[in-house]
Amino acid sequence: MYHIVEFCSSNMLKGSQNVYDTLQKDPELDVVDYGCLSNCGICSKMFFAYVNGKTVSGKTPEQLLERIYKQIEKEDEKSKLDRYQF
């Protein structure tokens, strides 16, 4: 499954730029940044991104990266299960 990870440029300036850069190197991901994702409440308090439209957040950039990959794994597993259901 192909995944889209979206970042807010303002949030990247606060410290999630390294997460963005790391994910950009993953050929299985489409990583994009926008000027604003209209989620200012979360953006002002922690690091966040959207993974296939779902909000993923973390208190540190490292935690955000870990949670993004966990969300991707979760979606991959769900996709596998969906294929085998009759």
N, C-alpha and C. Protein backbone atom coordinates (compact mmCIF):
# COMPACT_ATOMS: atom_id res chain seq x y z
N MET A 1 0.84 -1.19 0.00
CA MET A 1 0.00 0.00 0.00
C MET A 1 0.88 1.25 0.00
N TYR A 2 0.50 2.22 -0.78
CA TYR A 2 1.23 3.47 -0.86
C TYR A 2 0.66 4.44 0.17
N HIS A 3 1.52 5.16 0.87
CA HIS A 3 1.08 6.04 1.96
C HIS A 3 1.44 7.49 1.67
N ILE A 4 0.58 8.40 2.13
CA ILE A 4 0.81 9.83 2.00
C ILE A 4 0.98 10.41 3.41
N VAL A 5 2.07 11.11 3.62
CA VAL A 5 2.34 11.77 4.89
C VAL A 5 2.42 13.27 4.62
N GLU A 6 1.56 14.03 5.31
CA GLU A 6 1.47 15.47 5.08
C GLU A 6 1.97 16.23 6.31
N PHE A 7 2.76 17.26 6.05
CA PHE A 7 3.32 18.09 7.12
C PHE A 7 2.90 19.53 6.95
N CYS A 8 2.81 20.23 8.07
CA CYS A 8 2.57 21.66 8.12
C CYS A 8 3.95 22.35 8.16
N SER A 9 4.17 23.30 7.27
CA SER A 9 5.47 23.99 7.25
C SER A 9 5.77 24.69 8.57
N SER A 10 4.76 25.25 9.20
CA SER A 10 4.97 25.91 10.49
C SER A 10 5.44 24.91 11.54
N ASN A 11 4.86 23.72 11.52
CA ASN A 11 5.24 22.69 12.48
C ASN A 11 6.66 22.20 12.19
N MET A 12 7.02 22.15 10.92
CA MET A 12 8.39 21.73 10.57
C MET A 12 9.40 22.74 11.09
N LEU A 13 9.06 24.02 11.04
CA LEU A 13 9.96 25.05 11.57
C LEU A 13 10.15 24.91 13.07
N LYS A 14 9.18 24.31 13.75
CA LYS A 14 9.27 24.11 15.20
C LYS A 14 10.10 22.89 15.57
N GLY A 15 10.45 22.06 14.57
CA GLY A 15 11.32 20.93 14.88
C GLY A 15 11.04 19.61 14.19
N SER A 16 9.98 19.53 13.39
CA SER A 16 9.70 18.25 12.74
C SER A 16 10.33 18.14 11.35
N GLN A 17 11.18 19.09 11.00
CA GLN A 17 11.86 19.06 9.69
C GLN A 17 12.68 17.78 9.50
N ASN A 18 13.36 17.32 10.56
CA ASN A 18 14.17 16.11 10.45
C ASN A 18 13.31 14.89 10.16
N VAL A 19 12.10 14.86 10.73
CA VAL A 19 11.17 13.76 10.47
C VAL A 19 10.78 13.79 9.00
N TYR A 20 10.44 14.95 8.51
CA TYR A 20 10.10 15.14 7.09
C TYR A 20 11.25 14.64 6.21
N ASP A 21 12.46 15.09 6.50
CA ASP A 21 13.63 14.71 5.71
C ASP A 21 13.86 13.20 5.72
N THR A 22 13.69 12.58 6.88
CA THR A 22 13.86 11.13 7.00
C THR A 22 12.83 10.39 6.16
N LEU A 23 11.57 10.81 6.26
CA LEU A 23 10.50 10.15 5.52
C LEU A 23 10.63 10.36 4.01
N GLN A 24 11.17 11.50 3.59
CA GLN A 24 11.38 11.78 2.17
C GLN A 24 12.25 10.72 1.51
N LYS A 25 13.13 10.10 2.28
CA LYS A 25 14.06 9.09 1.76
C LYS A 25 13.39 7.72 1.58
N ASP A 26 12.20 7.55 2.11
CA ASP A 26 11.50 6.27 2.04
C ASP A 26 10.73 6.19 0.72
N PRO A 27 11.11 5.28 -0.17
CA PRO A 27 10.46 5.20 -1.49
C PRO A 27 9.01 4.74 -1.44
N GLU A 28 8.56 4.22 -0.31
CA GLU A 28 7.19 3.75 -0.16
C GLU A 28 6.22 4.87 0.26
N LEU A 29 6.77 6.06 0.48
CA LEU A 29 5.95 7.15 1.00
C LEU A 29 5.93 8.34 0.05
N ASP A 30 4.81 9.01 0.01
CA ASP A 30 4.69 10.29 -0.67
C ASP A 30 4.60 11.33 0.45
N VAL A 31 5.63 12.13 0.60
CA VAL A 31 5.71 13.09 1.71
C VAL A 31 5.58 14.50 1.15
N VAL A 32 4.59 15.23 1.68
CA VAL A 32 4.32 16.58 1.20
C VAL A 32 4.24 17.57 2.36
N ASP A 33 4.55 18.81 2.06
CA ASP A 33 4.38 19.84 3.09
C ASP A 33 3.49 20.94 2.54
N TYR A 34 2.71 21.51 3.45
CA TYR A 34 1.79 22.58 3.12
C TYR A 34 2.08 23.76 4.06
N GLY A 35 1.71 24.94 3.65
CA GLY A 35 1.89 26.11 4.50
C GLY A 35 1.15 25.98 5.81
N CYS A 36 -0.04 25.37 5.75
CA CYS A 36 -0.85 25.18 6.95
C CYS A 36 -1.81 24.01 6.72
N LEU A 37 -1.99 23.20 7.73
CA LEU A 37 -2.93 22.09 7.66
C LEU A 37 -4.19 22.37 8.48
N SER A 38 -4.34 23.61 8.92
CA SER A 38 -5.53 24.04 9.68
C SER A 38 -5.79 23.21 10.93
N ASN A 39 -4.70 22.89 11.61
CA ASN A 39 -4.80 22.16 12.87
C ASN A 39 -3.93 22.88 13.90
N CYS A 40 -4.17 24.17 14.06
CA CYS A 40 -3.32 25.05 14.88
C CYS A 40 -3.28 24.65 16.35
N GLY A 41 -4.36 24.07 16.86
CA GLY A 41 -4.39 23.64 18.26
C GLY A 41 -3.32 22.61 18.55
N ILE A 42 -3.22 21.60 17.70
CA ILE A 42 -2.18 20.57 17.87
C ILE A 42 -0.82 21.15 17.50
N CYS A 43 -0.77 21.91 16.43
CA CYS A 43 0.50 22.45 15.93
C CYS A 43 1.21 23.29 16.99
N SER A 44 0.45 24.02 17.78
CA SER A 44 1.06 24.89 18.79
C SER A 44 1.57 24.11 20.00
N LYS A 45 1.10 22.88 20.18
CA LYS A 45 1.44 22.11 21.38
C LYS A 45 2.41 20.97 21.16
N MET A 46 2.42 20.40 19.95
CA MET A 46 3.29 19.24 19.70
C MET A 46 3.59 19.10 18.23
N PHE A 47 4.35 18.09 17.91
CA PHE A 47 4.70 17.80 16.52
C PHE A 47 3.62 16.89 15.95
N PHE A 48 3.25 17.13 14.68
CA PHE A 48 2.21 16.30 14.10
C PHE A 48 2.35 16.21 12.59
N ALA A 49 1.68 15.23 12.03
CA ALA A 49 1.56 15.05 10.59
C ALA A 49 0.29 14.27 10.33
N TYR A 50 -0.16 14.27 9.10
CA TYR A 50 -1.28 13.42 8.71
C TYR A 50 -0.72 12.22 7.96
N VAL A 51 -1.17 11.05 8.33
CA VAL A 51 -0.80 9.82 7.63
C VAL A 51 -2.07 9.30 6.98
N ASN A 52 -2.12 9.39 5.66
CA ASN A 52 -3.32 8.99 4.92
C ASN A 52 -4.56 9.65 5.50
N GLY A 53 -4.42 10.93 5.86
CA GLY A 53 -5.55 11.71 6.36
C GLY A 53 -5.80 11.63 7.85
N LYS A 54 -5.07 10.77 8.56
CA LYS A 54 -5.26 10.62 10.02
C LYS A 54 -4.15 11.39 10.75
N THR A 55 -4.55 12.10 11.80
CA THR A 55 -3.59 12.87 12.58
C THR A 55 -2.74 11.96 13.45
N VAL A 56 -1.42 12.15 13.35
CA VAL A 56 -0.46 11.44 14.19
C VAL A 56 0.39 12.52 14.86
N SER A 57 0.59 12.41 16.17
CA SER A 57 1.33 13.44 16.88
C SER A 57 2.33 12.82 17.85
N GLY A 58 3.25 13.66 18.31
CA GLY A 58 4.24 13.23 19.28
C GLY A 58 4.80 14.43 20.02
N LYS A 59 5.29 14.17 21.22
CA LYS A 59 5.86 15.25 22.03
C LYS A 59 7.26 15.64 21.56
N THR A 60 7.93 14.71 20.88
CA THR A 60 9.26 14.97 20.33
C THR A 60 9.25 14.56 18.86
N PRO A 61 10.19 15.07 18.07
CA PRO A 61 10.27 14.62 16.68
C PRO A 61 10.51 13.10 16.57
N GLU A 62 11.32 12.57 17.47
CA GLU A 62 11.59 11.13 17.45
C GLU A 62 10.32 10.33 17.71
N GLN A 63 9.52 10.78 18.65
CA GLN A 63 8.26 10.11 18.96
C GLN A 63 7.30 10.21 17.77
N LEU A 64 7.28 11.35 17.12
CA LEU A 64 6.43 11.53 15.94
C LEU A 64 6.83 10.54 14.85
N LEU A 65 8.11 10.42 14.58
CA LEU A 65 8.59 9.49 13.55
C LEU A 65 8.18 8.05 13.89
N GLU A 66 8.36 7.67 15.14
CA GLU A 66 7.99 6.33 15.59
C GLU A 66 6.49 6.09 15.40
N ARG A 67 5.69 7.06 15.77
CA ARG A 67 4.23 6.92 15.67
C ARG A 67 3.75 6.92 14.22
N ILE A 68 4.42 7.66 13.37
CA ILE A 68 4.07 7.65 11.94
C ILE A 68 4.27 6.25 11.38
N TYR A 69 5.42 5.64 11.67
CA TYR A 69 5.68 4.30 11.17
C TYR A 69 4.73 3.27 11.79
N LYS A 70 4.36 3.45 13.04
CA LYS A 70 3.38 2.55 13.67
C LYS A 70 2.02 2.66 12.98
N GLN A 71 1.61 3.88 12.64
CA GLN A 71 0.34 4.08 11.94
C GLN A 71 0.38 3.42 10.57
N ILE A 72 1.49 3.54 9.89
CA ILE A 72 1.64 2.93 8.57
C ILE A 72 1.55 1.41 8.69
N GLU A 73 2.24 0.84 9.69
CA GLU A 73 2.18 -0.61 9.91
C GLU A 73 0.75 -1.06 10.20
N LYS A 74 0.06 -0.30 11.03
CA LYS A 74 -1.33 -0.61 11.39
C LYS A 74 -2.21 -0.62 10.14
N GLU A 75 -2.04 0.37 9.28
CA GLU A 75 -2.85 0.44 8.07
C GLU A 75 -2.50 -0.68 7.10
N ASP A 76 -1.23 -1.05 7.02
CA ASP A 76 -0.82 -2.16 6.17
C ASP A 76 -1.45 -3.47 6.64
N GLU A 77 -1.45 -3.69 7.94
CA GLU A 77 -2.05 -4.90 8.51
C GLU A 77 -3.54 -4.94 8.23
N LYS A 78 -4.20 -3.81 8.41
CA LYS A 78 -5.64 -3.75 8.15
C LYS A 78 -5.93 -4.02 6.69
N SER A 79 -5.10 -3.50 5.81
CA SER A 79 -5.28 -3.72 4.38
C SER A 79 -5.13 -5.20 4.03
N LYS A 80 -4.17 -5.87 4.65
CA LYS A 80 -3.97 -7.31 4.42
C LYS A 80 -5.19 -8.09 4.88
N LEU A 81 -5.71 -7.75 6.05
CA LEU A 81 -6.88 -8.46 6.58
C LEU A 81 -8.10 -8.23 5.70
N ASP A 82 -8.27 -7.01 5.22
CA ASP A 82 -9.41 -6.68 4.37
C ASP A 82 -9.39 -7.49 3.08
N ARG A 83 -8.22 -7.77 2.56
CA ARG A 83 -8.11 -8.53 1.32
C ARG A 83 -8.55 -9.98 1.48
N TYR A 84 -8.39 -10.52 2.69
CA TYR A 84 -8.70 -11.93 2.92
C TYR A 84 -10.07 -12.18 3.49
N GLN A 85 -10.85 -11.16 3.69
CA GLN A 85 -12.21 -11.35 4.19
C GLN A 85 -13.16 -11.58 3.02
N PHE A 86 -14.10 -12.43 3.24
CA PHE A 86 -15.06 -12.78 2.19
C PHE A 86 -16.35 -12.07 2.39
